[in-house]
Amino acid sequence: MEKKINLWSFILSIICILLFFIVSLSGPIDYSIMGTHPLNLVLYITLITFIFGILGFSGIQDWKGMTRSVTTVIITLGLSAFLVVIVFFGSLLS
C-alpha cells in the first residue's frame, strides 16, 4: 500500500505542476462556479499531495522509490511555497 502511495503522490505532484500552468496561463475565470480562486484549489491539492509524499517515505524499498519520494517532497514544497506567496500578495492587492 505504501508503495502505491509513493507512486501516486509522485504522479499527483506532476499533475499539480500542470494544473498550476493551466490556471496561471488561462484567461479570466468566472469564480462563481467554483466558489474560490483556482490557485487556492491548486494550493490545497498541492498540500494534500505533500502529505501523501511524506507518507510515501514509508514505502521505500529501493533507490528509485527514494528518488520518487524526495522529488515529490521537493516539487510540492516548492510549489506550495510559491502558491502561498502568490495567493497572499494577490489577496492584498484585491
Protein backbone atom coordinates (compact mmCIF):
# COMPACT_ATOMS: atom_id res chain seq x y z
CA MET A 1 0.00 0.00 0.00
CA GLU A 2 2.81 2.41 0.88
CA LYS A 3 4.49 1.78 -2.46
CA LYS A 4 1.31 2.81 -4.24
CA ILE A 5 1.11 5.98 -2.14
CA ASN A 6 4.69 6.75 -3.14
CA LEU A 7 3.95 6.31 -6.85
CA TRP A 8 0.61 8.15 -6.80
CA SER A 9 1.99 11.07 -4.84
CA PHE A 10 4.69 11.48 -7.49
CA ILE A 11 2.07 11.40 -10.25
CA LEU A 12 -0.09 13.92 -8.35
CA SER A 13 2.89 16.25 -7.94
CA ILE A 14 3.36 16.32 -11.71
CA ILE A 15 -0.38 16.93 -12.12
CA CYS A 16 -0.15 19.83 -9.64
CA ILE A 17 2.52 21.48 -11.75
CA LEU A 18 0.39 21.04 -14.86
CA LEU A 19 -2.66 22.46 -13.06
CA PHE A 20 -0.62 25.46 -11.94
CA PHE A 21 0.45 26.19 -15.50
CA ILE A 22 -3.07 25.71 -16.84
CA VAL A 23 -4.59 28.06 -14.25
CA SER A 24 -1.86 30.69 -14.47
CA LEU A 25 -1.80 30.80 -18.28
CA SER A 26 -5.57 30.77 -18.76
CA GLY A 27 -7.61 33.92 -19.11
CA PRO A 28 -10.07 35.32 -16.60
CA ILE A 29 -12.13 32.60 -14.98
CA ASP A 30 -15.63 33.00 -13.54
CA TYR A 31 -15.06 32.21 -9.85
CA SER A 32 -18.76 31.98 -9.02
CA ILE A 33 -18.87 28.45 -10.44
CA MET A 34 -16.19 27.11 -8.11
CA GLY A 35 -16.70 29.45 -5.18
CA THR A 36 -12.97 30.03 -4.70
CA HIS A 37 -9.97 31.14 -6.70
CA PRO A 38 -8.45 28.33 -8.82
CA LEU A 39 -4.97 28.97 -7.38
CA ASN A 40 -6.40 28.25 -3.93
CA LEU A 41 -7.65 24.91 -5.20
CA VAL A 42 -4.25 24.11 -6.70
CA LEU A 43 -2.65 25.04 -3.36
CA TYR A 44 -4.96 22.69 -1.45
CA ILE A 45 -4.28 19.84 -3.86
CA THR A 46 -0.55 20.50 -3.60
CA LEU A 47 -0.64 20.41 0.20
CA ILE A 48 -2.57 17.12 0.16
CA THR A 49 -0.02 15.72 -2.29
CA PHE A 50 2.78 16.89 0.03
CA ILE A 51 1.22 14.93 2.90
CA PHE A 52 0.95 11.86 0.67
CA GLY A 53 4.58 12.37 -0.33
CA ILE A 54 5.63 12.32 3.32
CA LEU A 55 3.56 9.18 3.88
CA GLY A 56 5.21 7.67 0.79
CA PHE A 57 8.56 7.60 2.60
CA SER A 58 7.31 4.54 4.47
CA GLY A 59 7.03 2.57 1.22
CA ILE A 60 10.65 2.98 0.11
CA GLN A 61 12.18 -0.30 -0.99
CA ASP A 62 14.93 0.77 -3.40
CA TRP A 63 16.73 3.82 -4.70
CA LYS A 64 14.02 4.55 -7.28
CA GLY A 65 11.38 4.84 -4.56
CA MET A 66 13.66 7.10 -2.56
CA THR A 67 14.23 9.33 -5.60
CA ARG A 68 10.47 9.50 -6.24
CA SER A 69 9.73 10.44 -2.64
CA VAL A 70 12.41 13.11 -2.40
CA THR A 71 11.41 14.56 -5.78
CA THR A 72 7.75 14.63 -4.74
CA VAL A 73 8.50 16.43 -1.50
CA ILE A 74 10.78 18.98 -3.19
CA ILE A 75 8.30 19.68 -6.00
CA THR A 76 5.27 20.01 -3.74
CA LEU A 77 7.08 22.03 -1.08
CA GLY A 78 8.44 24.47 -3.65
CA LEU A 79 5.14 24.78 -5.49
CA SER A 80 3.14 25.26 -2.29
CA ALA A 81 5.55 27.96 -1.04
CA PHE A 82 5.29 29.71 -4.41
CA LEU A 83 1.49 29.47 -4.37
CA VAL A 84 1.27 30.78 -0.80
CA VAL A 85 3.24 33.87 -1.83
CA ILE A 86 1.07 34.39 -4.91
CA VAL A 87 -2.22 33.89 -3.06
CA PHE A 88 -1.10 36.08 -0.11
CA PHE A 89 0.05 39.02 -2.21
CA GLY A 90 -2.89 38.57 -4.58
CA SER A 91 -5.32 38.90 -1.70
CA LEU A 92 -3.51 42.05 -0.51
CA LEU A 93 -3.85 43.67 -3.92
CA SER A 94 -7.52 42.94 -4.43
